[in-house]
mmCIF file of all heavy atoms, coordinates in Angstrom:
data_MODEL
# 
_entry.id   MODEL 
# 
loop_
_atom_site.group_PDB 
_atom_site.id 
_atom_site.type_symbol 
_atom_site.label_atom_id 
_atom_site.label_alt_id 
_atom_site.label_comp_id 
_atom_site.label_asym_id 
_atom_site.label_entity_id 
_atom_site.label_seq_id 
_atom_site.pdbx_PDB_ins_code 
_atom_site.Cartn_x 
_atom_site.Cartn_y 
_atom_site.Cartn_z 
_atom_site.occupancy 
_atom_site.B_iso_or_equiv 
_atom_site.pdbx_formal_charge 
_atom_site.auth_seq_id 
_atom_site.auth_comp_id 
_atom_site.auth_asym_id 
_atom_site.auth_atom_id 
_atom_site.pdbx_PDB_model_num 
ATOM 1   N N   . ARG A 1 1  ? 1.428  20.798 -18.690 1.00 0.00 ? 1  ARG A N   1 
ATOM 2   C CA  . ARG A 1 1  ? 1.491  20.686 -17.203 1.00 0.00 ? 1  ARG A CA  1 
ATOM 3   C C   . ARG A 1 1  ? 2.978  20.499 -16.916 1.00 0.00 ? 1  ARG A C   1 
ATOM 4   O O   . ARG A 1 1  ? 3.827  19.936 -17.660 1.00 0.00 ? 1  ARG A O   1 
ATOM 5   C CB  . ARG A 1 1  ? 0.725  19.478 -16.714 1.00 0.00 ? 1  ARG A CB  1 
ATOM 6   C CG  . ARG A 1 1  ? -0.793 19.703 -17.035 1.00 0.00 ? 1  ARG A CG  1 
ATOM 7   C CD  . ARG A 1 1  ? -1.588 18.617 -16.346 1.00 0.00 ? 1  ARG A CD  1 
ATOM 8   N NE  . ARG A 1 1  ? -1.581 18.818 -14.891 1.00 0.00 ? 1  ARG A NE  1 
ATOM 9   C CZ  . ARG A 1 1  ? -1.914 17.931 -14.016 1.00 0.00 ? 1  ARG A CZ  1 
ATOM 10  N NH1 . ARG A 1 1  ? -2.339 16.756 -14.493 1.00 0.00 ? 1  ARG A NH1 1 
ATOM 11  N NH2 . ARG A 1 1  ? -1.883 18.150 -12.762 1.00 0.00 ? 1  ARG A NH2 1 
ATOM 12  N N   . ILE A 1 2  ? 3.376  21.002 -15.677 1.00 0.00 ? 2  ILE A N   1 
ATOM 13  C CA  . ILE A 1 2  ? 4.767  20.859 -15.294 1.00 0.00 ? 2  ILE A CA  1 
ATOM 14  C C   . ILE A 1 2  ? 4.974  19.502 -14.672 1.00 0.00 ? 2  ILE A C   1 
ATOM 15  O O   . ILE A 1 2  ? 4.290  19.090 -13.741 1.00 0.00 ? 2  ILE A O   1 
ATOM 16  C CB  . ILE A 1 2  ? 5.087  21.964 -14.328 1.00 0.00 ? 2  ILE A CB  1 
ATOM 17  C CG1 . ILE A 1 2  ? 4.917  23.350 -14.869 1.00 0.00 ? 2  ILE A CG1 1 
ATOM 18  C CG2 . ILE A 1 2  ? 6.478  21.758 -13.646 1.00 0.00 ? 2  ILE A CG2 1 
ATOM 19  C CD1 . ILE A 1 2  ? 5.111  24.494 -13.931 1.00 0.00 ? 2  ILE A CD1 1 
ATOM 20  N N   . HIS A 1 3  ? 5.985  18.808 -15.176 1.00 0.00 ? 3  HIS A N   1 
ATOM 21  C CA  . HIS A 1 3  ? 6.374  17.492 -14.644 1.00 0.00 ? 3  HIS A CA  1 
ATOM 22  C C   . HIS A 1 3  ? 7.893  17.552 -14.302 1.00 0.00 ? 3  HIS A C   1 
ATOM 23  O O   . HIS A 1 3  ? 8.625  18.472 -14.749 1.00 0.00 ? 3  HIS A O   1 
ATOM 24  C CB  . HIS A 1 3  ? 6.175  16.392 -15.632 1.00 0.00 ? 3  HIS A CB  1 
ATOM 25  C CG  . HIS A 1 3  ? 4.799  16.007 -15.769 1.00 0.00 ? 3  HIS A CG  1 
ATOM 26  N ND1 . HIS A 1 3  ? 4.301  14.693 -16.008 1.00 0.00 ? 3  HIS A ND1 1 
ATOM 27  C CD2 . HIS A 1 3  ? 3.614  16.724 -15.741 1.00 0.00 ? 3  HIS A CD2 1 
ATOM 28  C CE1 . HIS A 1 3  ? 3.050  14.630 -16.097 1.00 0.00 ? 3  HIS A CE1 1 
ATOM 29  N NE2 . HIS A 1 3  ? 2.550  15.884 -15.921 1.00 0.00 ? 3  HIS A NE2 1 
ATOM 30  N N   . VAL A 1 4  ? 8.382  16.607 -13.600 1.00 0.00 ? 4  VAL A N   1 
ATOM 31  C CA  . VAL A 1 4  ? 9.810  16.507 -13.243 1.00 0.00 ? 4  VAL A CA  1 
ATOM 32  C C   . VAL A 1 4  ? 10.299 15.095 -13.519 1.00 0.00 ? 4  VAL A C   1 
ATOM 33  O O   . VAL A 1 4  ? 9.531  14.132 -13.253 1.00 0.00 ? 4  VAL A O   1 
ATOM 34  C CB  . VAL A 1 4  ? 10.100 16.889 -11.774 1.00 0.00 ? 4  VAL A CB  1 
ATOM 35  C CG1 . VAL A 1 4  ? 11.475 16.752 -11.368 1.00 0.00 ? 4  VAL A CG1 1 
ATOM 36  C CG2 . VAL A 1 4  ? 9.529  18.269 -11.476 1.00 0.00 ? 4  VAL A CG2 1 
ATOM 37  N N   . ARG A 1 5  ? 11.508 14.975 -14.015 1.00 0.00 ? 5  ARG A N   1 
ATOM 38  C CA  . ARG A 1 5  ? 12.018 13.651 -14.312 1.00 0.00 ? 5  ARG A CA  1 
ATOM 39  C C   . ARG A 1 5  ? 12.268 12.845 -12.964 1.00 0.00 ? 5  ARG A C   1 
ATOM 40  O O   . ARG A 1 5  ? 12.824 13.457 -12.043 1.00 0.00 ? 5  ARG A O   1 
ATOM 41  C CB  . ARG A 1 5  ? 13.286 13.732 -15.124 1.00 0.00 ? 5  ARG A CB  1 
ATOM 42  C CG  . ARG A 1 5  ? 13.093 14.139 -16.533 1.00 0.00 ? 5  ARG A CG  1 
ATOM 43  C CD  . ARG A 1 5  ? 14.405 14.056 -17.282 1.00 0.00 ? 5  ARG A CD  1 
ATOM 44  N NE  . ARG A 1 5  ? 14.201 14.642 -18.626 1.00 0.00 ? 5  ARG A NE  1 
ATOM 45  C CZ  . ARG A 1 5  ? 14.408 15.855 -18.967 1.00 0.00 ? 5  ARG A CZ  1 
ATOM 46  N NH1 . ARG A 1 5  ? 14.785 16.730 -18.101 1.00 0.00 ? 5  ARG A NH1 1 
ATOM 47  N NH2 . ARG A 1 5  ? 14.193 16.201 -20.191 1.00 0.00 ? 5  ARG A NH2 1 
ATOM 48  N N   . ARG A 1 6  ? 11.999 11.609 -12.973 1.00 0.00 ? 6  ARG A N   1 
ATOM 49  C CA  . ARG A 1 6  ? 12.287 10.743 -11.815 1.00 0.00 ? 6  ARG A CA  1 
ATOM 50  C C   . ARG A 1 6  ? 13.887 10.736 -11.573 1.00 0.00 ? 6  ARG A C   1 
ATOM 51  O O   . ARG A 1 6  ? 14.235 10.708 -10.322 1.00 0.00 ? 6  ARG A O   1 
ATOM 52  C CB  . ARG A 1 6  ? 11.824 9.314  -11.953 1.00 0.00 ? 6  ARG A CB  1 
ATOM 53  C CG  . ARG A 1 6  ? 10.303 9.219  -11.785 1.00 0.00 ? 6  ARG A CG  1 
ATOM 54  C CD  . ARG A 1 6  ? 9.970  7.800  -11.687 1.00 0.00 ? 6  ARG A CD  1 
ATOM 55  N NE  . ARG A 1 6  ? 8.534  7.611  -11.639 1.00 0.00 ? 6  ARG A NE  1 
ATOM 56  C CZ  . ARG A 1 6  ? 7.882  7.502  -10.450 1.00 0.00 ? 6  ARG A CZ  1 
ATOM 57  N NH1 . ARG A 1 6  ? 8.508  7.552  -9.349  1.00 0.00 ? 6  ARG A NH1 1 
ATOM 58  N NH2 . ARG A 1 6  ? 6.543  7.449  -10.426 1.00 0.00 ? 6  ARG A NH2 1 
ATOM 59  N N   . SER A 1 7  ? 14.635 10.740 -12.518 1.00 0.00 ? 7  SER A N   1 
ATOM 60  C CA  . SER A 1 7  ? 16.068 10.718 -12.318 1.00 0.00 ? 7  SER A CA  1 
ATOM 61  C C   . SER A 1 7  ? 16.599 11.977 -11.586 1.00 0.00 ? 7  SER A C   1 
ATOM 62  O O   . SER A 1 7  ? 17.442 11.926 -10.747 1.00 0.00 ? 7  SER A O   1 
ATOM 63  C CB  . SER A 1 7  ? 16.785 10.567 -13.685 1.00 0.00 ? 7  SER A CB  1 
ATOM 64  O OG  . SER A 1 7  ? 16.487 11.634 -14.522 1.00 0.00 ? 7  SER A OG  1 
ATOM 65  N N   . ASP A 1 8  ? 15.946 13.144 -11.905 1.00 0.00 ? 8  ASP A N   1 
ATOM 66  C CA  . ASP A 1 8  ? 16.307 14.402 -11.199 1.00 0.00 ? 8  ASP A CA  1 
ATOM 67  C C   . ASP A 1 8  ? 15.919 14.290 -9.737  1.00 0.00 ? 8  ASP A C   1 
ATOM 68  O O   . ASP A 1 8  ? 16.674 14.788 -8.874  1.00 0.00 ? 8  ASP A O   1 
ATOM 69  C CB  . ASP A 1 8  ? 15.616 15.586 -11.860 1.00 0.00 ? 8  ASP A CB  1 
ATOM 70  C CG  . ASP A 1 8  ? 16.165 15.841 -13.295 1.00 0.00 ? 8  ASP A CG  1 
ATOM 71  O OD1 . ASP A 1 8  ? 17.241 15.392 -13.660 1.00 0.00 ? 8  ASP A OD1 1 
ATOM 72  O OD2 . ASP A 1 8  ? 15.456 16.697 -14.008 1.00 0.00 ? 8  ASP A OD2 1 
ATOM 73  N N   . ILE A 1 9  ? 14.774 13.694 -9.457  1.00 0.00 ? 9  ILE A N   1 
ATOM 74  C CA  . ILE A 1 9  ? 14.363 13.562 -8.101  1.00 0.00 ? 9  ILE A CA  1 
ATOM 75  C C   . ILE A 1 9  ? 15.296 12.607 -7.303  1.00 0.00 ? 9  ILE A C   1 
ATOM 76  O O   . ILE A 1 9  ? 15.716 12.943 -6.179  1.00 0.00 ? 9  ILE A O   1 
ATOM 77  C CB  . ILE A 1 9  ? 12.917 12.952 -8.003  1.00 0.00 ? 9  ILE A CB  1 
ATOM 78  C CG1 . ILE A 1 9  ? 11.916 13.922 -8.680  1.00 0.00 ? 9  ILE A CG1 1 
ATOM 79  C CG2 . ILE A 1 9  ? 12.472 12.724 -6.647  1.00 0.00 ? 9  ILE A CG2 1 
ATOM 80  C CD1 . ILE A 1 9  ? 10.550 13.291 -8.904  1.00 0.00 ? 9  ILE A CD1 1 
ATOM 81  N N   . GLU A 1 10 ? 15.723 11.544 -7.904  1.00 0.00 ? 10 GLU A N   1 
ATOM 82  C CA  . GLU A 1 10 ? 16.745 10.596 -7.213  1.00 0.00 ? 10 GLU A CA  1 
ATOM 83  C C   . GLU A 1 10 ? 18.071 11.373 -6.994  1.00 0.00 ? 10 GLU A C   1 
ATOM 84  O O   . GLU A 1 10 ? 18.634 11.122 -5.976  1.00 0.00 ? 10 GLU A O   1 
ATOM 85  C CB  . GLU A 1 10 ? 16.850 9.366  -8.066  1.00 0.00 ? 10 GLU A CB  1 
ATOM 86  C CG  . GLU A 1 10 ? 15.619 8.441  -8.066  1.00 0.00 ? 10 GLU A CG  1 
ATOM 87  C CD  . GLU A 1 10 ? 15.194 8.130  -6.617  1.00 0.00 ? 10 GLU A CD  1 
ATOM 88  O OE1 . GLU A 1 10 ? 16.012 7.784  -5.743  1.00 0.00 ? 10 GLU A OE1 1 
ATOM 89  O OE2 . GLU A 1 10 ? 13.978 8.196  -6.390  1.00 0.00 ? 10 GLU A OE2 1 
ATOM 90  N N   . HIS A 1 11 ? 18.536 12.082 -7.983  1.00 0.00 ? 11 HIS A N   1 
ATOM 91  C CA  . HIS A 1 11 ? 19.790 12.810 -7.818  1.00 0.00 ? 11 HIS A CA  1 
ATOM 92  C C   . HIS A 1 11 ? 19.625 13.830 -6.654  1.00 0.00 ? 11 HIS A C   1 
ATOM 93  O O   . HIS A 1 11 ? 20.583 13.971 -5.855  1.00 0.00 ? 11 HIS A O   1 
ATOM 94  C CB  . HIS A 1 11 ? 20.183 13.604 -9.069  1.00 0.00 ? 11 HIS A CB  1 
ATOM 95  C CG  . HIS A 1 11 ? 20.640 12.710 -10.162 1.00 0.00 ? 11 HIS A CG  1 
ATOM 96  N ND1 . HIS A 1 11 ? 21.797 11.881 -10.040 1.00 0.00 ? 11 HIS A ND1 1 
ATOM 97  C CD2 . HIS A 1 11 ? 20.127 12.427 -11.376 1.00 0.00 ? 11 HIS A CD2 1 
ATOM 98  C CE1 . HIS A 1 11 ? 21.941 11.221 -11.188 1.00 0.00 ? 11 HIS A CE1 1 
ATOM 99  N NE2 . HIS A 1 11 ? 20.950 11.523 -11.931 1.00 0.00 ? 11 HIS A NE2 1 
ATOM 100 N N   . TYR A 1 12 ? 18.486 14.499 -6.580  1.00 0.00 ? 12 TYR A N   1 
ATOM 101 C CA  . TYR A 1 12 ? 18.266 15.451 -5.452  1.00 0.00 ? 12 TYR A CA  1 
ATOM 102 C C   . TYR A 1 12 ? 18.275 14.702 -4.072  1.00 0.00 ? 12 TYR A C   1 
ATOM 103 O O   . TYR A 1 12 ? 18.809 15.198 -3.102  1.00 0.00 ? 12 TYR A O   1 
ATOM 104 C CB  . TYR A 1 12 ? 16.945 16.161 -5.653  1.00 0.00 ? 12 TYR A CB  1 
ATOM 105 C CG  . TYR A 1 12 ? 16.630 17.117 -4.551  1.00 0.00 ? 12 TYR A CG  1 
ATOM 106 C CD1 . TYR A 1 12 ? 17.472 18.272 -4.299  1.00 0.00 ? 12 TYR A CD1 1 
ATOM 107 C CD2 . TYR A 1 12 ? 15.469 16.971 -3.716  1.00 0.00 ? 12 TYR A CD2 1 
ATOM 108 C CE1 . TYR A 1 12 ? 17.130 19.165 -3.241  1.00 0.00 ? 12 TYR A CE1 1 
ATOM 109 C CE2 . TYR A 1 12 ? 15.255 17.813 -2.748  1.00 0.00 ? 12 TYR A CE2 1 
ATOM 110 C CZ  . TYR A 1 12 ? 15.999 18.887 -2.405  1.00 0.00 ? 12 TYR A CZ  1 
ATOM 111 O OH  . TYR A 1 12 ? 15.837 19.793 -1.419  1.00 0.00 ? 12 TYR A OH  1 
ATOM 112 N N   . ARG A 1 13 ? 17.593 13.656 -4.055  1.00 0.00 ? 13 ARG A N   1 
ATOM 113 C CA  . ARG A 1 13 ? 17.554 12.812 -2.843  1.00 0.00 ? 13 ARG A CA  1 
ATOM 114 C C   . ARG A 1 13 ? 18.909 12.399 -2.379  1.00 0.00 ? 13 ARG A C   1 
ATOM 115 O O   . ARG A 1 13 ? 19.278 12.456 -1.149  1.00 0.00 ? 13 ARG A O   1 
ATOM 116 C CB  . ARG A 1 13 ? 16.682 11.541 -3.024  1.00 0.00 ? 13 ARG A CB  1 
ATOM 117 C CG  . ARG A 1 13 ? 15.286 11.739 -2.789  1.00 0.00 ? 13 ARG A CG  1 
ATOM 118 C CD  . ARG A 1 13 ? 14.647 10.318 -2.970  1.00 0.00 ? 13 ARG A CD  1 
ATOM 119 N NE  . ARG A 1 13 ? 13.261 10.385 -2.336  1.00 0.00 ? 13 ARG A NE  1 
ATOM 120 C CZ  . ARG A 1 13 ? 12.449 9.362  -2.561  1.00 0.00 ? 13 ARG A CZ  1 
ATOM 121 N NH1 . ARG A 1 13 ? 12.820 8.248  -3.209  1.00 0.00 ? 13 ARG A NH1 1 
ATOM 122 N NH2 . ARG A 1 13 ? 11.205 9.422  -1.994  1.00 0.00 ? 13 ARG A NH2 1 
ATOM 123 N N   . GLN A 1 14 ? 19.767 11.935 -3.311  1.00 0.00 ? 14 GLN A N   1 
ATOM 124 C CA  . GLN A 1 14 ? 21.150 11.531 -3.039  1.00 0.00 ? 14 GLN A CA  1 
ATOM 125 C C   . GLN A 1 14 ? 21.985 12.700 -2.529  1.00 0.00 ? 14 GLN A C   1 
ATOM 126 O O   . GLN A 1 14 ? 22.789 12.591 -1.679  1.00 0.00 ? 14 GLN A O   1 
ATOM 127 C CB  . GLN A 1 14 ? 21.794 10.797 -4.201  1.00 0.00 ? 14 GLN A CB  1 
ATOM 128 C CG  . GLN A 1 14 ? 21.165 9.520  -4.512  1.00 0.00 ? 14 GLN A CG  1 
ATOM 129 C CD  . GLN A 1 14 ? 21.666 8.863  -5.744  1.00 0.00 ? 14 GLN A CD  1 
ATOM 130 O OE1 . GLN A 1 14 ? 22.462 9.460  -6.451  1.00 0.00 ? 14 GLN A OE1 1 
ATOM 131 N NE2 . GLN A 1 14 ? 21.160 7.702  -6.059  1.00 0.00 ? 14 GLN A NE2 1 
ATOM 132 N N   . SER A 1 15 ? 21.736 13.894 -3.081  1.00 0.00 ? 15 SER A N   1 
ATOM 133 C CA  . SER A 1 15 ? 22.486 15.053 -2.702  1.00 0.00 ? 15 SER A CA  1 
ATOM 134 C C   . SER A 1 15 ? 22.136 15.433 -1.284  1.00 0.00 ? 15 SER A C   1 
ATOM 135 O O   . SER A 1 15 ? 22.941 16.042 -0.518  1.00 0.00 ? 15 SER A O   1 
ATOM 136 C CB  . SER A 1 15 ? 22.240 16.249 -3.656  1.00 0.00 ? 15 SER A CB  1 
ATOM 137 O OG  . SER A 1 15 ? 20.957 16.753 -3.492  1.00 0.00 ? 15 SER A OG  1 
ATOM 138 N N   . LEU A 1 16 ? 20.892 15.155 -0.856  1.00 0.00 ? 16 LEU A N   1 
ATOM 139 C CA  . LEU A 1 16 ? 20.526 15.510 0.582   1.00 0.00 ? 16 LEU A CA  1 
ATOM 140 C C   . LEU A 1 16 ? 21.258 14.646 1.527   1.00 0.00 ? 16 LEU A C   1 
ATOM 141 O O   . LEU A 1 16 ? 21.670 15.139 2.617   1.00 0.00 ? 16 LEU A O   1 
ATOM 142 C CB  . LEU A 1 16 ? 18.964 15.270 0.738   1.00 0.00 ? 16 LEU A CB  1 
ATOM 143 C CG  . LEU A 1 16 ? 18.085 16.240 -0.032  1.00 0.00 ? 16 LEU A CG  1 
ATOM 144 C CD1 . LEU A 1 16 ? 16.631 15.813 0.217   1.00 0.00 ? 16 LEU A CD1 1 
ATOM 145 C CD2 . LEU A 1 16 ? 18.322 17.634 0.475   1.00 0.00 ? 16 LEU A CD2 1 
ATOM 146 N N   . SER A 1 17 ? 21.489 13.369 1.281   1.00 0.00 ? 17 SER A N   1 
ATOM 147 C CA  . SER A 1 17 ? 22.184 12.472 2.163   1.00 0.00 ? 17 SER A CA  1 
ATOM 148 C C   . SER A 1 17 ? 23.651 12.622 2.115   1.00 0.00 ? 17 SER A C   1 
ATOM 149 O O   . SER A 1 17 ? 24.356 12.219 3.031   1.00 0.00 ? 17 SER A O   1 
ATOM 150 C CB  . SER A 1 17 ? 21.727 11.072 1.931   1.00 0.00 ? 17 SER A CB  1 
ATOM 151 O OG  . SER A 1 17 ? 22.133 10.647 0.607   1.00 0.00 ? 17 SER A OG  1 
ATOM 152 N N   . ALA A 1 18 ? 24.162 13.250 1.074   1.00 0.00 ? 18 ALA A N   1 
ATOM 153 C CA  . ALA A 1 18 ? 25.643 13.418 0.892   1.00 0.00 ? 18 ALA A CA  1 
ATOM 154 C C   . ALA A 1 18 ? 26.173 14.646 1.603   1.00 0.00 ? 18 ALA A C   1 
ATOM 155 O O   . ALA A 1 18 ? 27.366 14.823 1.577   1.00 0.00 ? 18 ALA A O   1 
ATOM 156 C CB  . ALA A 1 18 ? 26.018 13.421 -0.547  1.00 0.00 ? 18 ALA A CB  1 
ATOM 157 N N   . ARG A 1 19 ? 25.317 15.437 2.206   1.00 0.00 ? 19 ARG A N   1 
ATOM 158 C CA  . ARG A 1 19 ? 25.836 16.729 2.883   1.00 0.00 ? 19 ARG A CA  1 
ATOM 159 C C   . ARG A 1 19 ? 26.626 16.358 4.142   1.00 0.00 ? 19 ARG A C   1 
ATOM 160 O O   . ARG A 1 19 ? 26.301 15.386 4.816   1.00 0.00 ? 19 ARG A O   1 
ATOM 161 C CB  . ARG A 1 19 ? 24.672 17.609 3.205   1.00 0.00 ? 19 ARG A CB  1 
ATOM 162 C CG  . ARG A 1 19 ? 24.014 18.171 2.011   1.00 0.00 ? 19 ARG A CG  1 
ATOM 163 C CD  . ARG A 1 19 ? 22.950 19.092 2.305   1.00 0.00 ? 19 ARG A CD  1 
ATOM 164 N NE  . ARG A 1 19 ? 22.386 19.647 1.123   1.00 0.00 ? 19 ARG A NE  1 
ATOM 165 C CZ  . ARG A 1 19 ? 21.190 20.160 1.017   1.00 0.00 ? 19 ARG A CZ  1 
ATOM 166 N NH1 . ARG A 1 19 ? 20.353 20.213 2.016   1.00 0.00 ? 19 ARG A NH1 1 
ATOM 167 N NH2 . ARG A 1 19 ? 20.826 20.692 -0.063  1.00 0.00 ? 19 ARG A NH2 1 
ATOM 168 N N   . ALA A 1 20 ? 27.569 17.125 4.422   1.00 0.00 ? 20 ALA A N   1 
ATOM 169 C CA  . ALA A 1 20 ? 28.410 16.919 5.573   1.00 0.00 ? 20 ALA A CA  1 
ATOM 170 C C   . ALA A 1 20 ? 27.756 17.451 6.814   1.00 0.00 ? 20 ALA A C   1 
ATOM 171 O O   . ALA A 1 20 ? 26.969 18.452 6.670   1.00 0.00 ? 20 ALA A O   1 
ATOM 172 C CB  . ALA A 1 20 ? 29.744 17.681 5.424   1.00 0.00 ? 20 ALA A CB  1 
ATOM 173 N N   . PRO A 1 21 ? 27.875 16.812 8.012   1.00 0.00 ? 21 PRO A N   1 
ATOM 174 C CA  . PRO A 1 21 ? 27.177 17.328 9.121   1.00 0.00 ? 21 PRO A CA  1 
ATOM 175 C C   . PRO A 1 21 ? 27.488 18.711 9.560   1.00 0.00 ? 21 PRO A C   1 
ATOM 176 O O   . PRO A 1 21 ? 26.685 19.397 10.135  1.00 0.00 ? 21 PRO A O   1 
ATOM 177 C CB  . PRO A 1 21 ? 27.500 16.306 10.243  1.00 0.00 ? 21 PRO A CB  1 
ATOM 178 C CG  . PRO A 1 21 ? 28.576 15.471 9.649   1.00 0.00 ? 21 PRO A CG  1 
ATOM 179 C CD  . PRO A 1 21 ? 28.718 15.645 8.253   1.00 0.00 ? 21 PRO A CD  1 
ATOM 180 N N   . GLY A 1 22 ? 28.726 19.216 9.370   1.00 0.00 ? 22 GLY A N   1 
ATOM 181 C CA  . GLY A 1 22 ? 29.065 20.513 9.770   1.00 0.00 ? 22 GLY A CA  1 
ATOM 182 C C   . GLY A 1 22 ? 28.705 21.652 8.818   1.00 0.00 ? 22 GLY A C   1 
ATOM 183 O O   . GLY A 1 22 ? 28.774 22.775 9.074   1.00 0.00 ? 22 GLY A O   1 
ATOM 184 N N   . LYS A 1 23 ? 28.324 21.266 7.582   1.00 0.00 ? 23 LYS A N   1 
ATOM 185 C CA  . LYS A 1 23 ? 27.976 22.175 6.542   1.00 0.00 ? 23 LYS A CA  1 
ATOM 186 C C   . LYS A 1 23 ? 26.490 22.272 6.346   1.00 0.00 ? 23 LYS A C   1 
ATOM 187 O O   . LYS A 1 23 ? 25.820 21.248 6.159   1.00 0.00 ? 23 LYS A O   1 
ATOM 188 C CB  . LYS A 1 23 ? 28.617 21.687 5.196   1.00 0.00 ? 23 LYS A CB  1 
ATOM 189 C CG  . LYS A 1 23 ? 28.416 22.634 4.082   1.00 0.00 ? 23 LYS A CG  1 
ATOM 190 C CD  . LYS A 1 23 ? 29.081 22.087 2.822   1.00 0.00 ? 23 LYS A CD  1 
ATOM 191 C CE  . LYS A 1 23 ? 28.733 22.993 1.591   1.00 0.00 ? 23 LYS A CE  1 
ATOM 192 N NZ  . LYS A 1 23 ? 29.195 22.295 0.380   1.00 0.00 ? 23 LYS A NZ  1 
ATOM 193 N N   . PRO A 1 24 ? 25.922 23.467 6.476   1.00 0.00 ? 24 PRO A N   1 
ATOM 194 C CA  . PRO A 1 24 ? 24.495 23.574 6.328   1.00 0.00 ? 24 PRO A CA  1 
ATOM 195 C C   . PRO A 1 24 ? 24.056 23.377 4.874   1.00 0.00 ? 24 PRO A C   1 
ATOM 196 O O   . PRO A 1 24 ? 24.902 23.525 3.873   1.00 0.00 ? 24 PRO A O   1 
ATOM 197 C CB  . PRO A 1 24 ? 24.144 25.050 6.773   1.00 0.00 ? 24 PRO A CB  1 
ATOM 198 C CG  . PRO A 1 24 ? 25.469 25.751 6.635   1.00 0.00 ? 24 PRO A CG  1 
ATOM 199 C CD  . PRO A 1 24 ? 26.580 24.709 6.844   1.00 0.00 ? 24 PRO A CD  1 
ATOM 200 N N   . GLY A 1 25 ? 22.830 23.031 4.637   1.00 0.00 ? 25 GLY A N   1 
ATOM 201 C CA  . GLY A 1 25 ? 22.303 22.779 3.316   1.00 0.00 ? 25 GLY A CA  1 
ATOM 202 C C   . GLY A 1 25 ? 22.320 24.150 2.502   1.00 0.00 ? 25 GLY A C   1 
ATOM 203 O O   . GLY A 1 25 ? 22.250 25.244 3.043   1.00 0.00 ? 25 GLY A O   1 
ATOM 204 N N   . GLU A 1 26 ? 22.392 23.948 1.277   1.00 0.00 ? 26 GLU A N   1 
ATOM 205 C CA  . GLU A 1 26 ? 22.435 25.104 0.279   1.00 0.00 ? 26 GLU A CA  1 
ATOM 206 C C   . GLU A 1 26 ? 21.103 25.334 -0.347  1.00 0.00 ? 26 GLU A C   1 
ATOM 207 O O   . GLU A 1 26 ? 20.376 24.477 -0.551  1.00 0.00 ? 26 GLU A O   1 
ATOM 208 C CB  . GLU A 1 26 ? 23.502 24.915 -0.754  1.00 0.00 ? 26 GLU A CB  1 
ATOM 209 C CG  . GLU A 1 26 ? 24.855 24.799 -0.075  1.00 0.00 ? 26 GLU A CG  1 
ATOM 210 C CD  . GLU A 1 26 ? 25.923 24.422 -1.166  1.00 0.00 ? 26 GLU A CD  1 
ATOM 211 O OE1 . GLU A 1 26 ? 25.550 23.775 -2.205  1.00 0.00 ? 26 GLU A OE1 1 
ATOM 212 O OE2 . GLU A 1 26 ? 27.037 24.676 -0.931  1.00 0.00 ? 26 GLU A OE2 1 
# 
């Protein structure tokens, strides 16, 4: 079964909040 590491999820969450307001998400 496909699983994802919790550390990868936390890194992704932090990258969402680190985006600049003038720059759209990638």
